[in-house]
Each structure stands twice: as structure tokens, then as C-alpha cells.
Protein backbone atom coordinates (compact mmCIF):
# COMPACT_ATOMS: atom_id res chain seq x y z
CA MET A 1 60.08 12.29 -20.85
CA THR A 2 61.92 9.38 -22.45
CA GLN A 3 60.51 7.72 -25.54
CA THR A 4 59.67 4.54 -23.61
CA ILE A 5 57.73 6.38 -20.92
CA LYS A 6 55.97 8.46 -23.56
CA LYS A 7 54.78 5.32 -25.38
CA LEU A 8 53.63 3.76 -22.12
CA PHE A 9 51.66 6.91 -21.25
CA GLN A 10 50.02 6.91 -24.70
CA ALA A 11 49.09 3.22 -24.31
CA ILE A 12 47.40 3.90 -20.97
CA ILE A 13 45.40 6.80 -22.44
CA LEU A 14 44.31 4.60 -25.36
CA LEU A 15 43.23 1.85 -22.97
CA PHE A 16 40.97 4.22 -21.05
CA LEU A 17 39.45 5.48 -24.28
CA LEU A 18 38.58 1.95 -25.33
CA ILE A 19 36.84 1.04 -22.04
CA PRO A 20 33.18 2.15 -22.10
CA ALA A 21 32.30 4.61 -19.36
CA VAL A 22 30.02 3.17 -16.64
CA SER A 23 27.78 5.58 -14.78
CA ASN A 24 25.67 4.87 -11.73
CA ALA A 25 23.65 8.04 -12.31
CA PHE A 26 19.88 7.74 -11.90
CA THR A 27 16.90 9.99 -11.32
CA VAL A 28 14.20 9.68 -8.67
CA THR A 29 10.62 10.86 -9.09
CA TYR A 30 7.63 10.50 -6.79
CA GLN A 31 3.90 11.11 -6.55
CA PRO A 32 1.66 12.58 -5.30
CA ALA A 33 3.47 15.90 -5.59
CA GLU A 34 2.16 16.92 -2.16
CA PRO A 35 1.84 13.71 -0.11
CA ARG A 36 -0.37 13.86 2.97
CA GLN A 37 -0.77 11.92 6.20
CA GLY A 38 -2.12 8.47 5.37
CA ASP A 39 -1.12 8.57 1.68
CA VAL A 40 0.72 6.03 -0.47
CA LEU A 41 3.99 7.41 -1.85
CA PHE A 42 4.92 6.02 -5.29
CA VAL A 43 8.66 6.26 -6.01
CA LYS A 44 10.23 5.56 -9.41
CA ILE A 45 13.87 5.27 -10.47
CA VAL A 46 14.98 5.88 -14.05
CA THR A 47 18.40 4.41 -14.80
CA GLU A 48 20.50 3.08 -17.67
CA ASN A 49 21.89 0.25 -15.58
CA ALA A 50 20.52 -2.98 -14.21
CA GLY A 51 20.81 -3.80 -10.54
CA SER A 52 18.85 -3.49 -7.34
CA ALA A 53 17.79 -0.47 -5.33
CA GLU A 54 16.69 0.31 -1.81
CA ALA A 55 14.90 3.26 -0.24
CA GLU A 56 15.03 4.51 3.33
CA PHE A 57 12.17 6.69 4.54
CA GLN A 58 11.23 7.61 8.09
CA GLY A 59 13.72 5.12 9.49
CA LYS A 60 12.46 2.13 7.49
CA LYS A 61 13.98 0.44 4.43
CA TYR A 62 12.07 -0.67 1.34
CA SER A 63 13.09 -2.66 -1.74
CA PHE A 64 12.33 -1.64 -5.31
CA GLY A 65 10.76 -3.87 -7.95
CA ARG A 66 11.96 -3.75 -11.54
CA VAL A 67 9.47 -2.84 -14.27
CA ASP A 68 11.95 -3.04 -17.16
CA GLN A 69 15.62 -2.39 -17.86
CA LYS A 70 15.35 1.31 -17.09
CA HIS A 71 12.66 1.59 -14.41
CA LEU A 72 12.36 0.45 -10.79
CA ILE A 73 9.40 1.24 -8.53
CA ALA A 74 8.38 1.13 -4.88
CA LEU A 75 5.27 1.93 -2.85
CA LEU A 76 5.93 3.52 0.55
CA PRO A 77 3.37 4.09 3.32
CA ILE A 78 2.89 7.38 5.14
CA ASP A 79 1.22 6.59 8.45
CA ILE A 80 -1.84 8.63 9.39
CA TYR A 81 -0.02 9.89 12.50
CA THR A 82 3.10 11.04 10.65
CA SER A 83 4.04 14.57 11.67
CA ALA A 84 3.48 17.16 8.96
CA LYS A 85 7.04 18.21 8.13
CA GLU A 86 9.94 17.48 5.75
CA TYR A 87 11.62 14.08 5.55
CA ASP A 88 14.60 12.73 3.62
CA LEU A 89 13.94 9.94 1.13
CA GLN A 90 17.27 8.20 0.59
CA VAL A 91 17.60 5.97 -2.46
CA VAL A 92 20.64 3.76 -3.12
CA HIS A 93 21.11 2.13 -6.54
CA ASN A 94 24.27 0.21 -7.48
CA GLY A 95 26.20 1.96 -4.73
CA ALA A 96 25.15 5.46 -5.79
CA LYS A 97 23.00 7.51 -3.44
CA SER A 98 20.33 10.14 -4.06
CA VAL A 99 18.50 12.06 -1.33
CA VAL A 100 15.13 13.65 -2.08
CA ASN A 101 13.32 15.95 0.31
CA ILE A 102 9.69 14.93 0.88
CA LYS A 103 7.28 17.30 2.60
CA VAL A 104 4.34 15.52 4.24
CA HIS A 105 1.26 17.74 4.45
CA ALA A 106 -1.34 17.72 7.21
CA ARG A 107 -4.91 16.55 6.62
CA GLU A 108 -8.22 17.47 8.16
CA PHE A 109 -10.22 14.36 9.03
CA ASP A 110 -13.97 14.17 9.66
CA THR A 111 -15.48 13.39 13.06
CA ILE A 112 -18.81 11.61 13.38
CA GLU A 113 -20.85 10.54 16.41
CA LEU A 114 -22.66 7.21 16.34
CA THR A 115 -25.25 5.64 18.60
CA LEU A 116 -25.01 1.86 18.46
CA PRO A 117 -26.29 -1.12 20.45
CA GLU A 118 -24.00 -1.70 23.42
CA GLY A 119 -23.14 -5.13 22.05
CA LYS A 120 -21.45 -3.50 19.07
CA VAL A 121 -19.38 -1.16 21.23
CA ASP A 122 -18.37 -3.12 24.34
CA LEU A 123 -16.87 -6.56 23.66
CA SER A 124 -17.59 -9.57 25.81
CA PRO A 125 -14.52 -11.47 27.11
CA ASP A 126 -15.04 -14.16 24.45
CA SER A 127 -15.43 -11.62 21.67
CA HIS A 128 -12.35 -9.73 22.84
CA LYS A 129 -10.34 -12.97 22.86
CA ARG A 130 -11.51 -13.86 19.35
CA ALA A 131 -10.76 -10.39 17.98
CA ALA A 132 -7.28 -10.40 19.52
CA LYS A 133 -6.49 -13.81 18.04
CA GLU A 134 -7.58 -12.66 14.57
CA SER A 135 -5.51 -9.49 14.91
CA VAL A 136 -2.37 -11.55 15.56
CA MET A 137 -3.16 -13.77 12.57
CA LEU A 138 -3.59 -10.78 10.25
CA LYS A 139 -0.42 -9.11 11.49
CA LYS A 140 1.55 -12.16 10.33
CA VAL A 141 -0.06 -11.79 6.90
CA TRP A 142 0.98 -8.12 6.60
CA GLU A 143 4.58 -8.99 7.48
CA SER A 144 5.10 -11.19 4.41
CA GLU A 145 6.12 -9.80 1.03
CA SER A 146 5.77 -11.46 -2.38
CA GLU A 147 6.64 -10.52 -5.97
CA ARG A 148 4.63 -7.74 -7.59
CA THR A 149 1.44 -8.85 -9.35
CA TRP A 150 -0.37 -5.48 -9.51
CA ASN A 151 -0.18 -3.72 -12.83
CA THR A 152 -0.88 -0.09 -13.78
CA ARG A 153 -3.62 1.92 -12.07
CA PHE A 154 -5.81 0.67 -9.25
CA GLU A 155 -9.59 0.81 -9.62
CA ARG A 156 -12.52 1.30 -7.28
CA PRO A 157 -14.08 -1.96 -6.09
CA ILE A 158 -17.57 -0.61 -6.77
CA ASN A 159 -18.87 2.56 -8.41
CA THR A 160 -21.00 3.89 -5.57
CA GLU A 161 -20.79 6.81 -3.17
CA ILE A 162 -18.26 6.78 -0.36
CA SER A 163 -20.11 6.99 2.94
CA THR A 164 -17.14 7.10 5.36
CA HIS A 165 -13.67 8.22 4.36
CA PHE A 166 -10.31 7.02 5.60
CA GLY A 167 -9.20 8.66 8.84
CA THR A 168 -12.68 9.59 10.05
CA LYS A 169 -12.82 9.75 13.85
CA ARG A 170 -15.86 7.88 15.15
CA ILE A 171 -17.22 8.59 18.63
CA MET A 172 -19.51 5.71 19.58
CA ASN A 173 -22.14 6.20 22.29
CA LYS A 174 -20.11 9.22 23.50
CA LYS A 175 -17.62 6.97 25.25
CA ARG A 176 -15.43 5.19 22.74
CA THR A 177 -13.40 6.66 19.92
CA SER A 178 -11.90 4.87 16.94
CA VAL A 179 -10.21 5.97 13.72
CA HIS A 180 -11.57 4.55 10.48
CA ARG A 181 -8.64 2.78 8.79
CA GLY A 182 -10.41 2.17 5.47
CA MET A 183 -13.23 3.59 3.40
CA ASP A 184 -16.88 2.56 3.21
CA PHE A 185 -18.85 2.35 -0.04
CA ARG A 186 -22.64 2.39 -0.07
CA GLY A 187 -24.32 -0.59 -1.68
CA LYS A 188 -27.21 -3.01 -1.57
CA THR A 189 -26.86 -6.58 -0.39
CA GLY A 190 -25.80 -8.80 -3.28
CA THR A 191 -24.05 -6.07 -5.30
CA PRO A 192 -20.83 -7.46 -6.88
CA VAL A 193 -17.47 -6.31 -5.48
CA GLN A 194 -14.45 -6.20 -7.78
CA ALA A 195 -10.71 -6.58 -7.16
CA ILE A 196 -8.89 -3.25 -7.26
CA ASN A 197 -5.94 -4.84 -9.09
CA ASN A 198 -4.33 -8.17 -9.97
CA GLY A 199 -3.51 -10.34 -6.99
CA THR A 200 -3.76 -13.65 -5.17
CA VAL A 201 -6.52 -14.52 -2.69
CA ILE A 202 -4.79 -15.35 0.58
CA LEU A 203 -7.79 -15.22 2.91
CA THR A 204 -11.54 -15.85 2.75
CA ASP A 205 -12.85 -16.05 6.29
CA ASP A 206 -15.57 -14.89 8.68
CA LEU A 207 -13.82 -12.46 11.04
CA PHE A 208 -15.23 -10.86 14.17
CA PHE A 209 -15.00 -7.23 13.02
CA GLY A 210 -14.98 -7.65 9.24
CA GLY A 211 -17.45 -10.51 8.88
CA ASN A 212 -16.98 -12.32 5.57
CA THR A 213 -13.62 -10.94 4.51
CA VAL A 214 -11.45 -11.37 1.41
CA VAL A 215 -7.76 -10.42 1.43
CA LEU A 216 -5.81 -10.04 -1.82
CA ASP A 217 -2.01 -10.03 -1.96
CA HIS A 218 -0.84 -7.67 -4.73
CA GLY A 219 2.87 -8.14 -4.03
CA MET A 220 5.55 -5.75 -2.74
CA GLY A 221 3.94 -5.73 0.72
CA LEU A 222 0.58 -4.46 -0.58
CA TYR A 223 -2.77 -6.00 0.44
CA SER A 224 -6.40 -5.04 -0.17
CA VAL A 225 -9.11 -6.12 2.29
CA TYR A 226 -12.84 -6.38 1.49
CA MET A 227 -15.16 -6.68 4.51
CA HIS A 228 -18.80 -7.33 5.46
CA LEU A 229 -19.51 -9.46 2.36
CA SER A 230 -22.66 -11.54 2.11
CA LYS A 231 -20.96 -14.12 -0.09
CA PHE A 232 -17.52 -15.12 -1.38
CA THR A 233 -17.13 -15.75 -5.12
CA VAL A 234 -13.44 -16.69 -4.83
CA THR A 235 -11.44 -19.07 -2.67
CA SER A 236 -7.96 -18.92 -1.12
CA GLY A 237 -5.23 -19.49 -3.68
CA ASP A 238 -7.19 -18.06 -6.63
CA ILE A 239 -5.25 -15.80 -9.02
CA ILE A 240 -7.39 -12.70 -9.56
CA ASN A 241 -7.39 -10.12 -12.35
CA LYS A 242 -8.17 -6.45 -11.85
CA GLY A 243 -11.93 -5.88 -12.05
CA GLN A 244 -12.78 -9.54 -11.35
CA GLU A 245 -15.65 -10.20 -8.94
CA ILE A 246 -14.48 -11.45 -5.55
CA GLY A 247 -17.70 -11.32 -3.51
CA LEU A 248 -21.05 -9.65 -2.87
CA ILE A 249 -21.89 -6.73 -0.59
CA GLY A 250 -23.51 -7.58 2.73
CA ASN A 251 -23.60 -6.59 6.40
CA SER A 252 -21.77 -9.48 8.05
CA GLY A 253 -19.55 -8.86 11.08
CA ARG A 254 -19.86 -5.64 13.09
CA ALA A 255 -21.83 -3.68 10.51
CA THR A 256 -25.02 -1.68 11.02
CA GLY A 257 -26.17 -2.10 7.43
CA PRO A 258 -25.08 -3.38 4.02
CA HIS A 259 -21.95 -1.70 2.65
CA LEU A 260 -18.40 -2.48 1.55
CA HIS A 261 -15.48 -1.62 3.77
CA LEU A 262 -12.23 -1.49 1.78
CA SER A 263 -8.89 -1.36 3.61
CA VAL A 264 -5.38 -1.24 2.17
CA LYS A 265 -2.32 -2.43 4.06
CA LEU A 266 1.15 -1.46 2.83
CA HIS A 267 4.14 -2.93 4.66
CA GLY A 268 1.87 -3.40 7.67
CA THR A 269 0.59 0.19 7.70
CA SER A 270 -3.02 1.18 7.00
CA VAL A 271 -3.10 3.72 4.17
CA ASP A 272 -5.87 5.61 2.40
CA PRO A 273 -7.27 3.38 -0.39
CA LEU A 274 -8.29 6.46 -2.36
CA SER A 275 -4.70 7.74 -2.41
CA LEU A 276 -3.65 4.44 -3.99
CA ILE A 277 -6.47 4.57 -6.55
CA ASP A 278 -5.60 8.17 -7.45
CA LEU A 279 -1.96 7.38 -8.34
CA ASP A 280 -1.08 7.63 -12.04
CA LEU A 281 0.66 4.28 -12.46
């Protein structure tokens, strides 16, 4: 090696030593440790680098929100009809990829038989038309996604007993079956209902099934829905803090008695509200 080439080689080595090393390495964690059908899956990235991240799970893609310089988070829905087996969770951050194996566990759901007035089981043509129109309207709501406003753990909307859990199969008058896509809390008419987390009121309306209904947008494709209220104490556009009163328990809509029905929609999928509340955020 000539002296000139040797000096050039040394200069190149010195240049590489002076350039700080850049690593796209990151770690992925999730909870619950054993996710089940109908659960919310909370995914967190720990990284030393800024940038965006995206997750792919069960054929759908989800964006992450940044908490601070080192942490990004996402909430992913597991549909109630998801097969109980293993799935790949693929996370891409700054061009680097990590694949985590997620095993979805099966759940046993309750079955109850109800005897109701025929008018609450079979819809008239006008009622069916109204319900269908409201369903289309709500679907458009679930499709939108705003910036995250929820912060830390979610709370129960009322501290009473749960009367009907998420996923319960209801057989009405022995001829019609439905799956309960929320959870019902016992309560007397006029009992205050509280927001489960920070959010924005995007709907206060009298709906066919839900009666007086409040919908809160918590950001990142997450919505909480409070049904059968006797009274609203908020209006559309209000910015709500966790624990703030949003209405009073009632039995409006298709309800057989006073109670609160709480639903949670995540990226358009109905998920178990209790699984969201149980997350350690």
C-alpha cells in the first residue's frame, strides 16, 4: 500500500468515526398479555428516534400517535368474531420493521332469553327506514379520525353493577337473536353519567335504538357512546374532561327500563368497553 493510499484509507476511517451512528432499532410491547375476541389491543413503541410508525394487523393498517420523543402508541380493535389463533402484528418505524406474534384467545359469552312487546322486536317499515338512515349516519362518524385527546386510563361512566356484558347473545321472543355490542350499567333515572376520558362531543341526538345518545370523539379513531339518557348536560362541540358529567340515566329509545348502555367504537369496530377500561395506560 502506497503512502498516499494509506493516508486516504486513514482519512476515511476517521470520517466514519466522527459521524454519529444512527439506529432505527425500536421495541414493541402490547397489552393485554392474552388478548381475547372483542378486546382492545394497546401497542407501544419505545425508540430513540423521532418519526412516524404504522402497524398492520389482520390485514388492516393503523397509524401511531406520539406521546413524547421516545414513545408512540396505537389502539387496535379485535373484532368479536375474530378466530382464536395466532396473528402477526407488523410494525414499521423509520423504515425498520418488527413482527410480533399475537395470540387471540377465545371467549365464552353469555346467552339470555328475553320476552318483549312485539313492537320492540319487529320494526314497522317507518321504524326500519329511520333505523337504517341513522346507521348510515353513524358509520360515517366512525370512519373519521382526529388527533388523540384521551389521556391515561379510562374510567367507568358510573359506579354501578353491570347488568349485561359485551358479547351477550340475546334471544328475543324465541325468534330473533342479537349480539350485545356494548355493556349495560344499572341505574336510576336521573343518575349522572360521566365521560370515560377526555374528548369532544360530536353528537347529542334522539336515535331510534339508543334514544337520547351522546357520542364522544377521543381521537385516534376511538369513540364512546352513551345511550338511553333522560337528559343531555352537554351539547355538540363541547370539549369534555374525563369524569365530567355528560347526561343523566333514563330509558329513552328501545329500552325496557332505566339503565346506561355504553358502547365503544374503535376504527369502526365495536369492542368491549371493559377491555378498554382495564388497560394500564
